[in-house]
Amino acid sequence: MNKYDGVVIKKSTKVFTSMNILETTVEHNGFQGGDAGHGGYVTVTFTDLSGTSMEVNGVDFCGEQFSITFKGSTERQTFVESLQFILDELKSDVTY
């Protein structure tokens, strides 16, 4: 956890290993109230550490990384809701 201009910035990283190795990092500074101009953000970064087949907009990102950033409190909220939707959909037809 770091501070930037008095705002706490939280950053967590986790490595997921299977036949590939994917590192995922989430960095955010919590709800700041309001739109992107109020400084609130969430950034999620995916890094291929080994053998992760990834594409972004049809471009191959194997051996690389990409990030997604949402700025603003409502954008944070709808991002979280969309992640929950994705999880629900993907888990609905597969047993892990």
PDB file of N, CA and C in Angstrom:
ATOM      1  N   MET A   1       0.844  -1.171   0.000  1.00  0.00           N
ATOM      2  CA  MET A   1       0.000   0.000   0.000  1.00  0.00           C
ATOM      3  C   MET A   1       0.891   1.236   0.000  1.00  0.00           C
ATOM      4  N   ASN A   2       0.634   2.146  -0.890  1.00  0.00           N
ATOM      5  CA  ASN A   2       1.389   3.383  -0.997  1.00  0.00           C
ATOM      6  C   ASN A   2       0.450   4.566  -0.854  1.00  0.00           C
ATOM      7  N   LYS A   3       1.024   5.730  -0.659  1.00  0.00           N
ATOM      8  CA  LYS A   3       0.234   6.960  -0.644  1.00  0.00           C
ATOM      9  C   LYS A   3       0.752   7.887  -1.727  1.00  0.00           C
ATOM     10  N   TYR A   4      -0.177   8.529  -2.425  1.00  0.00           N
ATOM     11  CA  TYR A   4       0.162   9.519  -3.440  1.00  0.00           C
ATOM     12  C   TYR A   4      -0.721  10.722  -3.187  1.00  0.00           C
ATOM     13  N   ASP A   5      -0.131  11.840  -2.873  1.00  0.00           N
ATOM     14  CA  ASP A   5      -0.877  13.054  -2.523  1.00  0.00           C
ATOM     15  C   ASP A   5      -1.900  12.783  -1.427  1.00  0.00           C
ATOM     16  N   GLY A   6      -1.524  11.955  -0.441  1.00  0.00           N
ATOM     17  CA  GLY A   6      -2.396  11.665   0.690  1.00  0.00           C
ATOM     18  C   GLY A   6      -3.450  10.608   0.434  1.00  0.00           C
ATOM     19  N   VAL A   7      -3.535  10.082  -0.780  1.00  0.00           N
ATOM     20  CA  VAL A   7      -4.534   9.063  -1.126  1.00  0.00           C
ATOM     21  C   VAL A   7      -3.860   7.695  -1.070  1.00  0.00           C
ATOM     22  N   VAL A   8      -4.489   6.757  -0.385  1.00  0.00           N
ATOM     23  CA  VAL A   8      -3.949   5.405  -0.284  1.00  0.00           C
ATOM     24  C   VAL A   8      -4.151   4.681  -1.610  1.00  0.00           C
ATOM     25  N   ILE A   9      -3.068   4.131  -2.129  1.00  0.00           N
ATOM     26  CA  ILE A   9      -3.117   3.334  -3.354  1.00  0.00           C
ATOM     27  C   ILE A   9      -2.849   1.890  -2.977  1.00  0.00           C
ATOM     28  N   LYS A  10      -3.798   1.018  -3.287  1.00  0.00           N
ATOM     29  CA  LYS A  10      -3.677  -0.400  -2.975  1.00  0.00           C
ATOM     30  C   LYS A  10      -3.284  -1.158  -4.234  1.00  0.00           C
ATOM     31  N   LYS A  11      -2.306  -2.066  -4.080  1.00  0.00           N
ATOM     32  CA  LYS A  11      -1.846  -2.852  -5.222  1.00  0.00           C
ATOM     33  C   LYS A  11      -1.615  -4.282  -4.760  1.00  0.00           C
ATOM     34  N   SER A  12      -2.244  -5.219  -5.452  1.00  0.00           N
ATOM     35  CA  SER A  12      -2.101  -6.643  -5.138  1.00  0.00           C
ATOM     36  C   SER A  12      -1.798  -7.401  -6.415  1.00  0.00           C
ATOM     37  N   THR A  13      -0.900  -8.376  -6.294  1.00  0.00           N
ATOM     38  CA  THR A  13      -0.522  -9.210  -7.436  1.00  0.00           C
ATOM     39  C   THR A  13      -0.617 -10.669  -7.029  1.00  0.00           C
ATOM     40  N   LYS A  14      -1.113 -11.481  -7.965  1.00  0.00           N
ATOM     41  CA  LYS A  14      -1.193 -12.921  -7.726  1.00  0.00           C
ATOM     42  C   LYS A  14      -0.815 -13.635  -9.019  1.00  0.00           C
ATOM     43  N   VAL A  15      -0.096 -14.754  -8.869  1.00  0.00           N
ATOM     44  CA  VAL A  15       0.309 -15.567 -10.017  1.00  0.00           C
ATOM     45  C   VAL A  15      -0.557 -16.825 -10.032  1.00  0.00           C
ATOM     46  N   PHE A  16      -1.106 -17.140 -11.197  1.00  0.00           N
ATOM     47  CA  PHE A  16      -1.951 -18.315 -11.388  1.00  0.00           C
ATOM     48  C   PHE A  16      -1.211 -19.279 -12.303  1.00  0.00           C
ATOM     49  N   THR A  17      -1.043 -20.530 -11.836  1.00  0.00           N
ATOM     50  CA  THR A  17      -0.246 -21.508 -12.564  1.00  0.00           C
ATOM     51  C   THR A  17      -1.078 -22.722 -12.928  1.00  0.00           C
ATOM     52  N   SER A  18      -1.031 -23.090 -14.187  1.00  0.00           N
ATOM     53  CA  SER A  18      -1.628 -24.316 -14.704  1.00  0.00           C
ATOM     54  C   SER A  18      -0.675 -24.763 -15.810  1.00  0.00           C
ATOM     55  N   MET A  19      -1.189 -25.062 -17.013  1.00  0.00           N
ATOM     56  CA  MET A  19      -0.303 -25.341 -18.134  1.00  0.00           C
ATOM     57  C   MET A  19       0.308 -24.036 -18.647  1.00  0.00           C
ATOM     58  N   ASN A  20      -0.218 -22.933 -18.200  1.00  0.00           N
ATOM     59  CA  ASN A  20       0.327 -21.605 -18.476  1.00  0.00           C
ATOM     60  C   ASN A  20       0.549 -20.911 -17.132  1.00  0.00           C
ATOM     61  N   ILE A  21       1.209 -19.769 -17.159  1.00  0.00           N
ATOM     62  CA  ILE A  21       1.398 -18.982 -15.946  1.00  0.00           C
ATOM     63  C   ILE A  21       0.961 -17.553 -16.252  1.00  0.00           C
ATOM     64  N   LEU A  22      -0.038 -17.080 -15.502  1.00  0.00           N
ATOM     65  CA  LEU A  22      -0.619 -15.757 -15.694  1.00  0.00           C
ATOM     66  C   LEU A  22      -0.497 -14.968 -14.392  1.00  0.00           C
ATOM     67  N   GLU A  23       0.085 -13.784 -14.496  1.00  0.00           N
ATOM     68  CA  GLU A  23       0.162 -12.879 -13.349  1.00  0.00           C
ATOM     69  C   GLU A  23      -0.910 -11.817 -13.504  1.00  0.00           C
ATOM     70  N   THR A  24      -1.660 -11.571 -12.436  1.00  0.00           N
ATOM     71  CA  THR A  24      -2.709 -10.564 -12.453  1.00  0.00           C
ATOM     72  C   THR A  24      -2.444  -9.564 -11.335  1.00  0.00           C
ATOM     73  N   THR A  25      -2.485  -8.287 -11.679  1.00  0.00           N
ATOM     74  CA  THR A  25      -2.274  -7.221 -10.706  1.00  0.00           C
ATOM     75  C   THR A  25      -3.476  -6.283 -10.747  1.00  0.00           C
ATOM     76  N   VAL A  26      -3.963  -5.915  -9.565  1.00  0.00           N
ATOM     77  CA  VAL A  26      -5.013  -4.899  -9.473  1.00  0.00           C
ATOM     78  C   VAL A  26      -4.486  -3.763  -8.604  1.00  0.00           C
ATOM     79  N   GLU A  27      -4.653  -2.549  -9.115  1.00  0.00           N
ATOM     80  CA  GLU A  27      -4.231  -1.348  -8.393  1.00  0.00           C
ATOM     81  C   GLU A  27      -5.403  -0.391  -8.385  1.00  0.00           C
ATOM     82  N   HIS A  28      -5.674   0.200  -7.223  1.00  0.00           N
ATOM     83  CA  HIS A  28      -6.791   1.145  -7.128  1.00  0.00           C
ATOM     84  C   HIS A  28      -6.597   2.069  -5.933  1.00  0.00           C
ATOM     85  N   ASN A  29      -7.381   3.125  -5.916  1.00  0.00           N
ATOM     86  CA  ASN A  29      -7.322   4.061  -4.798  1.00  0.00           C
ATOM     87  C   ASN A  29      -8.681   4.260  -4.145  1.00  0.00           C
ATOM     88  N   GLY A  30      -9.558   3.267  -4.284  1.00  0.00           N
ATOM     89  CA  GLY A  30     -10.859   3.325  -3.617  1.00  0.00           C
ATOM     90  C   GLY A  30     -11.798   4.327  -4.262  1.00  0.00           C
ATOM     91  N   PHE A  31     -12.961   4.446  -3.664  1.00  0.00           N
ATOM     92  CA  PHE A  31     -13.942   5.420  -4.152  1.00  0.00           C
ATOM     93  C   PHE A  31     -13.468   6.818  -3.803  1.00  0.00           C
ATOM     94  N   GLN A  32     -13.465   7.709  -4.786  1.00  0.00           N
ATOM     95  CA  GLN A  32     -13.063   9.093  -4.566  1.00  0.00           C
ATOM     96  C   GLN A  32     -14.249  10.046  -4.708  1.00  0.00           C
ATOM     97  N   GLY A  33     -15.394   9.493  -5.109  1.00  0.00           N
ATOM     98  CA  GLY A  33     -16.589  10.314  -5.257  1.00  0.00           C
ATOM     99  C   GLY A  33     -16.567  11.111  -6.545  1.00  0.00           C
ATOM    100  N   GLY A  34     -17.452  10.787  -7.436  1.00  0.00           N
ATOM    101  CA  GLY A  34     -17.558  11.565  -8.666  1.00  0.00           C
ATOM    102  C   GLY A  34     -16.948  10.894  -9.875  1.00  0.00           C
ATOM    103  N   ASP A  35     -16.710  11.729 -10.875  1.00  0.00           N
ATOM    104  CA  ASP A  35     -16.240  11.228 -12.163  1.00  0.00           C
ATOM    105  C   ASP A  35     -14.724  11.071 -12.181  1.00  0.00           C
ATOM    106  N   ALA A  36     -14.185  10.801 -13.341  1.00  0.00           N
ATOM    107  CA  ALA A  36     -12.745  10.565 -13.489  1.00  0.00           C
ATOM    108  C   ALA A  36     -11.909  11.744 -13.007  1.00  0.00           C
ATOM    109  N   GLY A  37     -12.444  12.930 -13.056  1.00  0.00           N
ATOM    110  CA  GLY A  37     -11.724  14.110 -12.617  1.00  0.00           C
ATOM    111  C   GLY A  37     -11.450  14.155 -11.127  1.00  0.00           C
ATOM    112  N   HIS A  38     -12.114  13.297 -10.364  1.00  0.00           N
ATOM    113  CA  HIS A  38     -11.899  13.255  -8.916  1.00  0.00           C
ATOM    114  C   HIS A  38     -10.768  12.313  -8.520  1.00  0.00           C
ATOM    115  N   GLY A  39     -10.165  11.643  -9.483  1.00  0.00           N
ATOM    116  CA  GLY A  39      -8.963  10.860  -9.216  1.00  0.00           C
ATOM    117  C   GLY A  39      -9.150   9.391  -8.923  1.00  0.00           C
ATOM    118  N   GLY A  40     -10.376   8.909  -8.841  1.00  0.00           N
ATOM    119  CA  GLY A  40     -10.588   7.485  -8.584  1.00  0.00           C
ATOM    120  C   GLY A  40     -10.259   6.651  -9.810  1.00  0.00           C
ATOM    121  N   TYR A  41      -9.588   5.521  -9.584  1.00  0.00           N
ATOM    122  CA  TYR A  41      -9.264   4.646 -10.712  1.00  0.00           C
ATOM    123  C   TYR A  41      -9.087   3.211 -10.248  1.00  0.00           C
ATOM    124  N   VAL A  42      -9.219   2.302 -11.188  1.00  0.00           N
ATOM    125  CA  VAL A  42      -8.904   0.880 -11.017  1.00  0.00           C
ATOM    126  C   VAL A  42      -8.122   0.474 -12.254  1.00  0.00           C
ATOM    127  N   THR A  43      -6.966  -0.147 -12.058  1.00  0.00           N
ATOM    128  CA  THR A  43      -6.189  -0.686 -13.175  1.00  0.00           C
ATOM    129  C   THR A  43      -5.949  -2.162 -12.930  1.00  0.00           C
ATOM    130  N   VAL A  44      -6.273  -2.978 -13.912  1.00  0.00           N
ATOM    131  CA  VAL A  44      -6.014  -4.412 -13.857  1.00  0.00           C
ATOM    132  C   VAL A  44      -5.012  -4.726 -14.964  1.00  0.00           C
ATOM    133  N   THR A  45      -3.935  -5.426 -14.597  1.00  0.00           N
ATOM    134  CA  THR A  45      -2.888  -5.776 -15.549  1.00  0.00           C
ATOM    135  C   THR A  45      -2.733  -7.284 -15.600  1.00  0.00           C
ATOM    136  N   PHE A  46      -2.710  -7.824 -16.809  1.00  0.00           N
ATOM    137  CA  PHE A  46      -2.496  -9.254 -17.029  1.00  0.00           C
ATOM    138  C   PHE A  46      -1.138  -9.418 -17.695  1.00  0.00           C
ATOM    139  N   THR A  47      -0.289 -10.275 -17.128  1.00  0.00           N
ATOM    140  CA  THR A  47       1.049 -10.501 -17.667  1.00  0.00           C
ATOM    141  C   THR A  47       1.241 -11.979 -17.938  1.00  0.00           C
ATOM    142  N   ASP A  48       1.605 -12.311 -19.169  1.00  0.00           N
ATOM    143  CA  ASP A  48       1.925 -13.693 -19.534  1.00  0.00           C
ATOM    144  C   ASP A  48       3.327 -14.007 -19.034  1.00  0.00           C
ATOM    145  N   LEU A  49       3.428 -14.882 -18.040  1.00  0.00           N
ATOM    146  CA  LEU A  49       4.737 -15.305 -17.551  1.00  0.00           C
ATOM    147  C   LEU A  49       5.220 -16.556 -18.267  1.00  0.00           C
ATOM    148  N   SER A  50       4.265 -17.319 -18.837  1.00  0.00           N
ATOM    149  CA  SER A  50       4.650 -18.502 -19.614  1.00  0.00           C
ATOM    150  C   SER A  50       3.431 -19.129 -20.275  1.00  0.00           C
ATOM    151  N   GLY A  51       3.431 -19.152 -21.581  1.00  0.00           N
ATOM    152  CA  GLY A  51       2.474 -19.927 -22.356  1.00  0.00           C
ATOM    153  C   GLY A  51       1.019 -19.515 -22.288  1.00  0.00           C
ATOM    154  N   THR A  52       0.715 -18.269 -21.946  1.00  0.00           N
ATOM    155  CA  THR A  52      -0.668 -17.806 -21.872  1.00  0.00           C
ATOM    156  C   THR A  52      -1.067 -17.217 -23.218  1.00  0.00           C
ATOM    157  N   SER A  53      -2.036 -17.825 -23.865  1.00  0.00           N
ATOM    158  CA  SER A  53      -2.512 -17.341 -25.152  1.00  0.00           C
ATOM    159  C   SER A  53      -3.529 -16.228 -24.902  1.00  0.00           C
ATOM    160  N   MET A  54      -3.175 -15.000 -25.277  1.00  0.00           N
ATOM    161  CA  MET A  54      -4.037 -13.843 -25.057  1.00  0.00           C
ATOM    162  C   MET A  54      -4.119 -13.019 -26.326  1.00  0.00           C
ATOM    163  N   GLU A  55      -5.284 -12.432 -26.563  1.00  0.00           N
ATOM    164  CA  GLU A  55      -5.473 -11.476 -27.648  1.00  0.00           C
ATOM    165  C   GLU A  55      -6.219 -10.271 -27.107  1.00  0.00           C
ATOM    166  N   VAL A  56      -5.878  -9.102 -27.599  1.00  0.00           N
ATOM    167  CA  VAL A  56      -6.603  -7.874 -27.298  1.00  0.00           C
ATOM    168  C   VAL A  56      -6.961  -7.237 -28.627  1.00  0.00           C
ATOM    169  N   ASN A  57      -8.253  -7.086 -28.859  1.00  0.00           N
ATOM    170  CA  ASN A  57      -8.735  -6.543 -30.135  1.00  0.00           C
ATOM    171  C   ASN A  57      -8.133  -7.273 -31.325  1.00  0.00           C
ATOM    172  N   GLY A  58      -8.007  -8.593 -31.183  1.00  0.00           N
ATOM    173  CA  GLY A  58      -7.512  -9.419 -32.271  1.00  0.00           C
ATOM    174  C   GLY A  58      -6.007  -9.449 -32.429  1.00  0.00           C
ATOM    175  N   VAL A  59      -5.279  -8.768 -31.541  1.00  0.00           N
ATOM    176  CA  VAL A  59      -3.820  -8.731 -31.617  1.00  0.00           C
ATOM    177  C   VAL A  59      -3.243  -9.687 -30.574  1.00  0.00           C
ATOM    178  N   ASP A  60      -2.324 -10.539 -31.012  1.00  0.00           N
ATOM    179  CA  ASP A  60      -1.698 -11.532 -30.132  1.00  0.00           C
ATOM    180  C   ASP A  60      -0.828 -10.849 -29.081  1.00  0.00           C
ATOM    181  N   PHE A  61      -1.042 -11.212 -27.801  1.00  0.00           N
ATOM    182  CA  PHE A  61      -0.267 -10.649 -26.703  1.00  0.00           C
ATOM    183  C   PHE A  61       0.500 -11.722 -25.949  1.00  0.00           C
ATOM    184  N   CYS A  62       0.773 -12.870 -26.560  1.00  0.00           N
ATOM    185  CA  CYS A  62       1.556 -13.911 -25.900  1.00  0.00           C
ATOM    186  C   CYS A  62       2.937 -13.348 -25.558  1.00  0.00           C
ATOM    187  N   GLY A  63       3.388 -13.610 -24.353  1.00  0.00           N
ATOM    188  CA  GLY A  63       4.691 -13.128 -23.910  1.00  0.00           C
ATOM    189  C   GLY A  63       4.701 -11.657 -23.537  1.00  0.00           C
ATOM    190  N   GLU A  64       3.539 -11.065 -23.445  1.00  0.00           N
ATOM    191  CA  GLU A  64       3.449  -9.637 -23.144  1.00  0.00           C
ATOM    192  C   GLU A  64       2.443  -9.388 -22.034  1.00  0.00           C
ATOM    193  N   GLN A  65       2.114  -8.135 -21.835  1.00  0.00           N
ATOM    194  CA  GLN A  65       1.094  -7.768 -20.859  1.00  0.00           C
ATOM    195  C   GLN A  65       0.193  -6.682 -21.419  1.00  0.00           C
ATOM    196  N   PHE A  66      -1.003  -6.575 -20.822  1.00  0.00           N
ATOM    197  CA  PHE A  66      -1.894  -5.478 -21.148  1.00  0.00           C
ATOM    198  C   PHE A  66      -2.636  -5.065 -19.892  1.00  0.00           C
ATOM    199  N   SER A  67      -3.076  -3.824 -19.885  1.00  0.00           N
ATOM    200  CA  SER A  67      -3.784  -3.263 -18.730  1.00  0.00           C
ATOM    201  C   SER A  67      -5.106  -2.671 -19.165  1.00  0.00           C
ATOM    202  N   ILE A  68      -6.043  -2.653 -18.223  1.00  0.00           N
ATOM    203  CA  ILE A  68      -7.336  -2.003 -18.393  1.00  0.00           C
ATOM    204  C   ILE A  68      -7.476  -1.028 -17.235  1.00  0.00           C
ATOM    205  N   THR A  69      -7.828   0.227 -17.523  1.00  0.00           N
ATOM    206  CA  THR A  69      -8.026   1.215 -16.470  1.00  0.00           C
ATOM    207  C   THR A  69      -9.409   1.825 -16.599  1.00  0.00           C
ATOM    208  N   PHE A  70     -10.110   1.888 -15.470  1.00  0.00           N
ATOM    209  CA  PHE A  70     -11.391   2.582 -15.380  1.00  0.00           C
ATOM    210  C   PHE A  70     -11.197   3.744 -14.430  1.00  0.00           C
ATOM    211  N   LYS A  71     -11.693   4.933 -14.798  1.00  0.00           N
ATOM    212  CA  LYS A  71     -11.551   6.122 -13.975  1.00  0.00           C
ATOM    213  C   LYS A  71     -12.924   6.648 -13.590  1.00  0.00           C
ATOM    214  N   GLY A  72     -13.118   6.899 -12.299  1.00  0.00           N
ATOM    215  CA  GLY A  72     -14.388   7.414 -11.797  1.00  0.00           C
ATOM    216  C   GLY A  72     -15.094   6.374 -10.947  1.00  0.00           C
ATOM    217  N   SER A  73     -15.931   6.857 -10.039  1.00  0.00           N
ATOM    218  CA  SER A  73     -16.610   5.960  -9.094  1.00  0.00           C
ATOM    219  C   SER A  73     -17.668   5.085  -9.750  1.00  0.00           C
ATOM    220  N   THR A  74     -18.473   5.653 -10.655  1.00  0.00           N
ATOM    221  CA  THR A  74     -19.490   4.816 -11.293  1.00  0.00           C
ATOM    222  C   THR A  74     -18.848   3.838 -12.265  1.00  0.00           C
ATOM    223  N   GLU A  75     -17.750   4.246 -12.881  1.00  0.00           N
ATOM    224  CA  GLU A  75     -17.028   3.330 -13.768  1.00  0.00           C
ATOM    225  C   GLU A  75     -16.469   2.156 -12.966  1.00  0.00           C
ATOM    226  N   ARG A  76     -15.969   2.442 -11.771  1.00  0.00           N
ATOM    227  CA  ARG A  76     -15.496   1.374 -10.877  1.00  0.00           C
ATOM    228  C   ARG A  76     -16.650   0.421 -10.556  1.00  0.00           C
ATOM    229  N   GLN A  77     -17.793   0.980 -10.211  1.00  0.00           N
ATOM    230  CA  GLN A  77     -18.962   0.174  -9.857  1.00  0.00           C
ATOM    231  C   GLN A  77     -19.411  -0.703 -11.021  1.00  0.00           C
ATOM    232  N   THR A  78     -19.538  -0.134 -12.213  1.00  0.00           N
ATOM    233  CA  THR A  78     -19.998  -0.938 -13.344  1.00  0.00           C
ATOM    234  C   THR A  78     -18.941  -1.951 -13.779  1.00  0.00           C
ATOM    235  N   PHE A  79     -17.650  -1.647 -13.580  1.00  0.00           N
ATOM    236  CA  PHE A  79     -16.585  -2.611 -13.860  1.00  0.00           C
ATOM    237  C   PHE A  79     -16.715  -3.816 -12.947  1.00  0.00           C
ATOM    238  N   VAL A  80     -16.914  -3.572 -11.653  1.00  0.00           N
ATOM    239  CA  VAL A  80     -17.089  -4.669 -10.693  1.00  0.00           C
ATOM    240  C   VAL A  80     -18.319  -5.499 -11.053  1.00  0.00           C
ATOM    241  N   GLU A  81     -19.413  -4.837 -11.395  1.00  0.00           N
ATOM    242  CA  GLU A  81     -20.631  -5.554 -11.787  1.00  0.00           C
ATOM    243  C   GLU A  81     -20.396  -6.389 -13.045  1.00  0.00           C
ATOM    244  N   SER A  82     -19.643  -5.845 -13.999  1.00  0.00           N
ATOM    245  CA  SER A  82     -19.379  -6.600 -15.227  1.00  0.00           C
ATOM    246  C   SER A  82     -18.475  -7.794 -14.949  1.00  0.00           C
ATOM    247  N   LEU A  83     -17.503  -7.645 -14.029  1.00  0.00           N
ATOM    248  CA  LEU A  83     -16.666  -8.784 -13.650  1.00  0.00           C
ATOM    249  C   LEU A  83     -17.493  -9.882 -12.999  1.00  0.00           C
ATOM    250  N   GLN A  84     -18.459  -9.500 -12.161  1.00  0.00           N
ATOM    251  CA  GLN A  84     -19.328 -10.491 -11.525  1.00  0.00           C
ATOM    252  C   GLN A  84     -20.156 -11.216 -12.578  1.00  0.00           C
ATOM    253  N   PHE A  85     -20.675 -10.482 -13.562  1.00  0.00           N
ATOM    254  CA  PHE A  85     -21.417 -11.086 -14.665  1.00  0.00           C
ATOM    255  C   PHE A  85     -20.552 -12.102 -15.409  1.00  0.00           C
ATOM    256  N   ILE A  86     -19.311 -11.718 -15.709  1.00  0.00           N
ATOM    257  CA  ILE A  86     -18.385 -12.621 -16.414  1.00  0.00           C
ATOM    258  C   ILE A  86     -18.148 -13.878 -15.596  1.00  0.00           C
ATOM    259  N   LEU A  87     -17.876 -13.725 -14.292  1.00  0.00           N
ATOM    260  CA  LEU A  87     -17.657 -14.887 -13.421  1.00  0.00           C
ATOM    261  C   LEU A  87     -18.868 -15.802 -13.391  1.00  0.00           C
ATOM    262  N   ASP A  88     -20.041 -15.223 -13.212  1.00  0.00           N
ATOM    263  CA  ASP A  88     -21.266 -16.028 -13.165  1.00  0.00           C
ATOM    264  C   ASP A  88     -21.450 -16.814 -14.460  1.00  0.00           C
ATOM    265  N   GLU A  89     -21.231 -16.166 -15.585  1.00  0.00           N
ATOM    266  CA  GLU A  89     -21.407 -16.816 -16.883  1.00  0.00           C
ATOM    267  C   GLU A  89     -20.395 -17.947 -17.088  1.00  0.00           C
ATOM    268  N   LEU A  90     -19.135 -17.682 -16.800  1.00  0.00           N
ATOM    269  CA  LEU A  90     -18.091 -18.689 -17.027  1.00  0.00           C
ATOM    270  C   LEU A  90     -18.213 -19.869 -16.073  1.00  0.00           C
ATOM    271  N   LYS A  91     -18.641 -19.628 -14.855  1.00  0.00           N
ATOM    272  CA  LYS A  91     -18.767 -20.716 -13.875  1.00  0.00           C
ATOM    273  C   LYS A  91     -20.062 -21.509 -14.045  1.00  0.00           C
ATOM    274  N   SER A  92     -21.011 -20.999 -14.831  1.00  0.00           N
ATOM    275  CA  SER A  92     -22.307 -21.652 -14.954  1.00  0.00           C
ATOM    276  C   SER A  92     -22.261 -22.974 -15.707  1.00  0.00           C
ATOM    277  N   ASP A  93     -21.247 -23.149 -16.562  1.00  0.00           N
ATOM    278  CA  ASP A  93     -21.223 -24.373 -17.357  1.00  0.00           C
ATOM    279  C   ASP A  93     -19.965 -25.212 -17.176  1.00  0.00           C
ATOM    280  N   VAL A  94     -19.146 -24.891 -16.174  1.00  0.00           N
ATOM    281  CA  VAL A  94     -17.899 -25.632 -15.945  1.00  0.00           C
ATOM    282  C   VAL A  94     -17.764 -25.926 -14.459  1.00  0.00           C
ATOM    283  N   THR A  95     -17.344 -27.138 -14.156  1.00  0.00           N
ATOM    284  CA  THR A  95     -17.048 -27.509 -12.770  1.00  0.00           C
ATOM    285  C   THR A  95     -15.540 -27.487 -12.586  1.00  0.00           C
ATOM    286  N   TYR A  96     -15.079 -26.675 -11.652  1.00  0.00           N
ATOM    287  CA  TYR A  96     -13.642 -26.580 -11.382  1.00  0.00           C
ATOM    288  C   TYR A  96     -13.272 -27.483 -10.242  1.00  0.00           C
TER     289      TYR A  96
END
